[in-house]
Amino acid sequence: MSKDLYNDTRVHFGIDSVENLIANRRHRFINLRDMVKQTIVYIKCCADPVRLFGCIFHWVRLIFACCIYFLYHI
């Protein structure tokens, strides 16, 4: 199969290049890893009763961001 035929087929069916697919997967993984780090920070924040209200706000924001992230990438 020639590269031209492959590229024409890929463009016709709307398939990204392999490089773009790998870059998108890497980007999603890094974003997920960053969300986990933020969650750990927020858990540590909740250990202090004075910061509890702020922590609840951050949890709601994190859950909302995760929902939007997963709905966008489904």
C-alpha atoms as a PDB file:
ATOM      1  CA  MET A   1       0.000   0.000   0.000  1.00  0.00           C
ATOM      2  CA  SER A   2       1.501   3.340  -0.984  1.00  0.00           C
ATOM      3  CA  LYS A   3       1.688   6.354   1.321  1.00  0.00           C
ATOM      4  CA  ASP A   4      -0.526   8.366  -1.028  1.00  0.00           C
ATOM      5  CA  LEU A   5      -3.274   5.746  -0.956  1.00  0.00           C
ATOM      6  CA  TYR A   6      -2.972   5.504   2.828  1.00  0.00           C
ATOM      7  CA  ASN A   7      -3.167   9.290   3.255  1.00  0.00           C
ATOM      8  CA  ASP A   8      -6.132   9.581   0.857  1.00  0.00           C
ATOM      9  CA  THR A   9      -7.989   6.817   2.706  1.00  0.00           C
ATOM     10  CA  ARG A  10      -7.173   8.366   6.088  1.00  0.00           C
ATOM     11  CA  VAL A  11      -8.389  11.801   4.993  1.00  0.00           C
ATOM     12  CA  HIS A  12     -11.519  10.390   3.341  1.00  0.00           C
ATOM     13  CA  PHE A  13     -12.601   8.523   6.495  1.00  0.00           C
ATOM     14  CA  GLY A  14     -11.540  11.323   8.863  1.00  0.00           C
ATOM     15  CA  ILE A  15      -8.853   9.354  10.700  1.00  0.00           C
ATOM     16  CA  ASP A  16      -6.048  11.322  12.367  1.00  0.00           C
ATOM     17  CA  SER A  17      -2.454  10.508  11.648  1.00  0.00           C
ATOM     18  CA  VAL A  18      -0.674   8.124  13.985  1.00  0.00           C
ATOM     19  CA  GLU A  19       1.435  10.985  15.323  1.00  0.00           C
ATOM     20  CA  ASN A  20      -1.702  12.968  16.232  1.00  0.00           C
ATOM     21  CA  LEU A  21      -3.365   9.948  17.845  1.00  0.00           C
ATOM     22  CA  ILE A  22      -0.301   9.313  20.018  1.00  0.00           C
ATOM     23  CA  ALA A  23       0.004  13.013  20.926  1.00  0.00           C
ATOM     24  CA  ASN A  24      -3.701  13.184  21.896  1.00  0.00           C
ATOM     25  CA  ARG A  25      -3.419  10.060  24.049  1.00  0.00           C
ATOM     26  CA  ARG A  26      -0.297  11.398  25.762  1.00  0.00           C
ATOM     27  CA  HIS A  27      -2.038  14.750  26.385  1.00  0.00           C
ATOM     28  CA  ARG A  28      -5.080  13.040  27.950  1.00  0.00           C
ATOM     29  CA  PHE A  29      -2.810  10.904  30.162  1.00  0.00           C
ATOM     30  CA  ILE A  30      -0.852  13.930  31.396  1.00  0.00           C
ATOM     31  CA  ASN A  31      -4.085  15.822  32.140  1.00  0.00           C
ATOM     32  CA  LEU A  32      -5.454  12.842  34.088  1.00  0.00           C
ATOM     33  CA  ARG A  33      -2.211  12.568  36.062  1.00  0.00           C
ATOM     34  CA  ASP A  34      -2.407  16.283  36.911  1.00  0.00           C
ATOM     35  CA  MET A  35      -6.005  15.856  38.120  1.00  0.00           C
ATOM     36  CA  VAL A  36      -4.870  13.058  40.457  1.00  0.00           C
ATOM     37  CA  LYS A  37      -2.124  15.310  41.858  1.00  0.00           C
ATOM     38  CA  GLN A  38      -4.691  18.060  42.452  1.00  0.00           C
ATOM     39  CA  THR A  39      -6.942  15.577  44.238  1.00  0.00           C
ATOM     40  CA  ILE A  40      -4.123  14.623  46.611  1.00  0.00           C
ATOM     41  CA  VAL A  41      -3.498  18.301  47.365  1.00  0.00           C
ATOM     42  CA  TYR A  42      -7.208  18.844  48.060  1.00  0.00           C
ATOM     43  CA  ILE A  43      -7.333  15.823  50.369  1.00  0.00           C
ATOM     44  CA  LYS A  44      -4.424  17.261  52.357  1.00  0.00           C
ATOM     45  CA  CYS A  45      -6.243  20.598  52.415  1.00  0.00           C
ATOM     46  CA  CYS A  46      -9.350  18.964  53.931  1.00  0.00           C
ATOM     47  CA  ALA A  47      -7.338  17.718  56.912  1.00  0.00           C
ATOM     48  CA  ASP A  48      -7.282  21.294  58.232  1.00  0.00           C
ATOM     49  CA  PRO A  49     -10.765  22.217  59.553  1.00  0.00           C
ATOM     50  CA  VAL A  50     -10.191  25.924  58.890  1.00  0.00           C
ATOM     51  CA  ARG A  51      -9.759  25.273  55.163  1.00  0.00           C
ATOM     52  CA  LEU A  52     -12.682  22.869  54.896  1.00  0.00           C
ATOM     53  CA  PHE A  53     -15.018  25.319  53.168  1.00  0.00           C
ATOM     54  CA  GLY A  54     -12.413  26.199  50.546  1.00  0.00           C
ATOM     55  CA  CYS A  55     -11.713  22.514  50.072  1.00  0.00           C
ATOM     56  CA  ILE A  56     -15.386  21.786  49.378  1.00  0.00           C
ATOM     57  CA  PHE A  57     -15.358  24.479  46.706  1.00  0.00           C
ATOM     58  CA  HIS A  58     -12.263  22.926  45.104  1.00  0.00           C
ATOM     59  CA  TRP A  59     -13.793  19.425  45.202  1.00  0.00           C
ATOM     60  CA  VAL A  60     -16.922  20.641  43.442  1.00  0.00           C
ATOM     61  CA  ARG A  61     -14.773  22.414  40.854  1.00  0.00           C
ATOM     62  CA  LEU A  62     -12.615  19.294  40.359  1.00  0.00           C
ATOM     63  CA  ILE A  63     -15.641  17.017  39.948  1.00  0.00           C
ATOM     64  CA  PHE A  64     -17.186  19.438  37.466  1.00  0.00           C
ATOM     65  CA  ALA A  65     -13.906  19.612  35.505  1.00  0.00           C
ATOM     66  CA  CYS A  66     -13.639  15.804  35.444  1.00  0.00           C
ATOM     67  CA  CYS A  67     -17.207  15.464  34.186  1.00  0.00           C
ATOM     68  CA  ILE A  68     -16.596  17.955  31.392  1.00  0.00           C
ATOM     69  CA  TYR A  69     -13.264  16.280  30.540  1.00  0.00           C
ATOM     70  CA  PHE A  70     -14.776  12.801  30.288  1.00  0.00           C
ATOM     71  CA  LEU A  71     -17.876  13.982  28.402  1.00  0.00           C
ATOM     72  CA  TYR A  72     -15.655  15.822  25.911  1.00  0.00           C
ATOM     73  CA  HIS A  73     -13.390  12.810  25.345  1.00  0.00           C
ATOM     74  CA  ILE A  74     -16.065  10.125  25.003  1.00  0.00           C
END
